[in-house]
Amino acid sequence: MIIRLEISFAEDGFPTRDELGFRWELEDLLEQNQVGEVVGAGSGMGVMDIDVEVDDVDSALRTINDLLAQLHIENVTTISVWDDQQRY
């Protein structure tokens, strides 16, 4: 399964280096906490996204929510779950 995180930011274009820093830090934390493998990431049009391939969706979602709260970005992040066939 794929969990997609979409982090919104203030501008409609590309993120600043500081905003990208949140995404990079979250990517590192996801892997350090063994949530799953980051298999994609991007940014533009006011959103940064991260795709994480996970085995246990419920456990991954609990950890992801904790990490988002730790970074204080839970209110600007949308989470969706896709099976592998829906990915692209």
C-alpha atoms as a PDB file:
ATOM      1  CA  MET A   1       0.000   0.000   0.000  1.00  0.00           C
ATOM      2  CA  ILE A   2       1.033   3.558  -0.635  1.00  0.00           C
ATOM      3  CA  ILE A   3       0.395   6.397   1.798  1.00  0.00           C
ATOM      4  CA  ARG A   4       0.552   9.824   0.170  1.00  0.00           C
ATOM      5  CA  LEU A   5       1.188  12.887   2.312  1.00  0.00           C
ATOM      6  CA  GLU A   6       0.354  16.257   0.750  1.00  0.00           C
ATOM      7  CA  ILE A   7       1.698  19.225   2.684  1.00  0.00           C
ATOM      8  CA  SER A   8       0.194  22.589   1.707  1.00  0.00           C
ATOM      9  CA  PHE A   9       2.143  25.812   2.021  1.00  0.00           C
ATOM     10  CA  ALA A  10       1.316  29.499   1.658  1.00  0.00           C
ATOM     11  CA  GLU A  11       2.323  30.160  -1.929  1.00  0.00           C
ATOM     12  CA  ASP A  12       0.846  28.599  -5.078  1.00  0.00           C
ATOM     13  CA  GLY A  13       4.240  28.009  -6.700  1.00  0.00           C
ATOM     14  CA  PHE A  14       7.259  26.083  -5.537  1.00  0.00           C
ATOM     15  CA  PRO A  15       8.275  25.810  -1.871  1.00  0.00           C
ATOM     16  CA  THR A  16      11.056  27.804  -0.287  1.00  0.00           C
ATOM     17  CA  ARG A  17      14.182  26.058   0.935  1.00  0.00           C
ATOM     18  CA  ASP A  18      12.836  26.276   4.507  1.00  0.00           C
ATOM     19  CA  GLU A  19       9.551  24.665   3.455  1.00  0.00           C
ATOM     20  CA  LEU A  20      11.456  21.917   1.640  1.00  0.00           C
ATOM     21  CA  GLY A  21      13.368  21.401   4.890  1.00  0.00           C
ATOM     22  CA  PHE A  22      10.141  20.186   6.530  1.00  0.00           C
ATOM     23  CA  ARG A  23       9.640  17.647   3.735  1.00  0.00           C
ATOM     24  CA  TRP A  24      13.244  16.427   3.906  1.00  0.00           C
ATOM     25  CA  GLU A  25      13.059  16.122   7.694  1.00  0.00           C
ATOM     26  CA  LEU A  26       9.774  14.216   7.458  1.00  0.00           C
ATOM     27  CA  GLU A  27      11.223  11.863   4.824  1.00  0.00           C
ATOM     28  CA  ASP A  28      14.167  11.113   7.132  1.00  0.00           C
ATOM     29  CA  LEU A  29      11.877  10.570  10.139  1.00  0.00           C
ATOM     30  CA  LEU A  30       9.618   8.233   8.172  1.00  0.00           C
ATOM     31  CA  GLU A  31      12.546   5.993   7.319  1.00  0.00           C
ATOM     32  CA  GLN A  32      14.212   6.286  10.755  1.00  0.00           C
ATOM     33  CA  ASN A  33      10.940   5.214  12.396  1.00  0.00           C
ATOM     34  CA  GLN A  34      10.616   2.324   9.925  1.00  0.00           C
ATOM     35  CA  VAL A  35       7.219   3.514   8.683  1.00  0.00           C
ATOM     36  CA  GLY A  36       8.055   2.325   5.189  1.00  0.00           C
ATOM     37  CA  GLU A  37      10.097   3.190   2.139  1.00  0.00           C
ATOM     38  CA  VAL A  38       9.810   6.665   0.639  1.00  0.00           C
ATOM     39  CA  VAL A  39       9.159   5.859  -3.026  1.00  0.00           C
ATOM     40  CA  GLY A  40       8.359   9.299  -4.362  1.00  0.00           C
ATOM     41  CA  ALA A  41       8.342  12.986  -3.521  1.00  0.00           C
ATOM     42  CA  GLY A  42       7.687  16.224  -5.308  1.00  0.00           C
ATOM     43  CA  SER A  43       6.502  19.781  -5.018  1.00  0.00           C
ATOM     44  CA  GLY A  44       4.728  22.512  -6.923  1.00  0.00           C
ATOM     45  CA  MET A  45       1.441  24.376  -7.153  1.00  0.00           C
ATOM     46  CA  GLY A  46       1.428  25.029  -3.404  1.00  0.00           C
ATOM     47  CA  VAL A  47       1.880  21.401  -2.315  1.00  0.00           C
ATOM     48  CA  MET A  48       4.751  19.129  -1.351  1.00  0.00           C
ATOM     49  CA  ASP A  49       4.036  15.425  -1.522  1.00  0.00           C
ATOM     50  CA  ILE A  50       5.649  12.264  -0.204  1.00  0.00           C
ATOM     51  CA  ASP A  51       4.699   8.699  -1.195  1.00  0.00           C
ATOM     52  CA  VAL A  52       5.550   5.989   1.315  1.00  0.00           C
ATOM     53  CA  GLU A  53       5.198   2.275   0.590  1.00  0.00           C
ATOM     54  CA  VAL A  54       4.019   0.514   3.754  1.00  0.00           C
ATOM     55  CA  ASP A  55       3.125  -3.009   4.849  1.00  0.00           C
ATOM     56  CA  ASP A  56       0.971  -2.164   7.891  1.00  0.00           C
ATOM     57  CA  VAL A  57      -1.287   0.818   7.086  1.00  0.00           C
ATOM     58  CA  ASP A  58      -2.771   1.218  10.583  1.00  0.00           C
ATOM     59  CA  SER A  59       0.600   1.243  12.312  1.00  0.00           C
ATOM     60  CA  ALA A  60       2.056   3.554   9.661  1.00  0.00           C
ATOM     61  CA  LEU A  61      -0.813   6.032  10.028  1.00  0.00           C
ATOM     62  CA  ARG A  62      -0.373   6.169  13.810  1.00  0.00           C
ATOM     63  CA  THR A  63       3.348   6.913  13.460  1.00  0.00           C
ATOM     64  CA  ILE A  64       2.794   9.398  10.627  1.00  0.00           C
ATOM     65  CA  ASN A  65       0.260  11.341  12.687  1.00  0.00           C
ATOM     66  CA  ASP A  66       2.719  11.473  15.597  1.00  0.00           C
ATOM     67  CA  LEU A  67       5.509  12.723  13.309  1.00  0.00           C
ATOM     68  CA  LEU A  68       3.290  15.378  11.729  1.00  0.00           C
ATOM     69  CA  ALA A  69       2.369  16.644  15.196  1.00  0.00           C
ATOM     70  CA  GLN A  70       6.036  16.638  16.223  1.00  0.00           C
ATOM     71  CA  LEU A  71       6.835  18.872  13.217  1.00  0.00           C
ATOM     72  CA  HIS A  72       3.706  21.010  13.783  1.00  0.00           C
ATOM     73  CA  ILE A  73       2.453  20.384  10.238  1.00  0.00           C
ATOM     74  CA  GLU A  74      -0.549  18.156  10.991  1.00  0.00           C
ATOM     75  CA  ASN A  75      -3.013  20.948  10.136  1.00  0.00           C
ATOM     76  CA  VAL A  76      -1.555  21.525   6.658  1.00  0.00           C
ATOM     77  CA  THR A  77      -1.132  17.863   5.680  1.00  0.00           C
ATOM     78  CA  THR A  78      -3.615  15.643   3.859  1.00  0.00           C
ATOM     79  CA  ILE A  79      -3.162  11.870   4.029  1.00  0.00           C
ATOM     80  CA  SER A  80      -4.503   9.397   1.477  1.00  0.00           C
ATOM     81  CA  VAL A  81      -4.042   5.628   1.167  1.00  0.00           C
ATOM     82  CA  TRP A  82      -3.753   3.943  -2.232  1.00  0.00           C
ATOM     83  CA  ASP A  83      -3.316   0.363  -3.205  1.00  0.00           C
ATOM     84  CA  ASP A  84      -0.417  -0.295  -5.558  1.00  0.00           C
ATOM     85  CA  GLN A  85      -2.632  -0.302  -8.674  1.00  0.00           C
ATOM     86  CA  GLN A  86      -4.035   3.170  -7.919  1.00  0.00           C
ATOM     87  CA  ARG A  87      -0.639   4.752  -7.502  1.00  0.00           C
ATOM     88  CA  TYR A  88      -0.348   6.458 -10.901  1.00  0.00           C
END
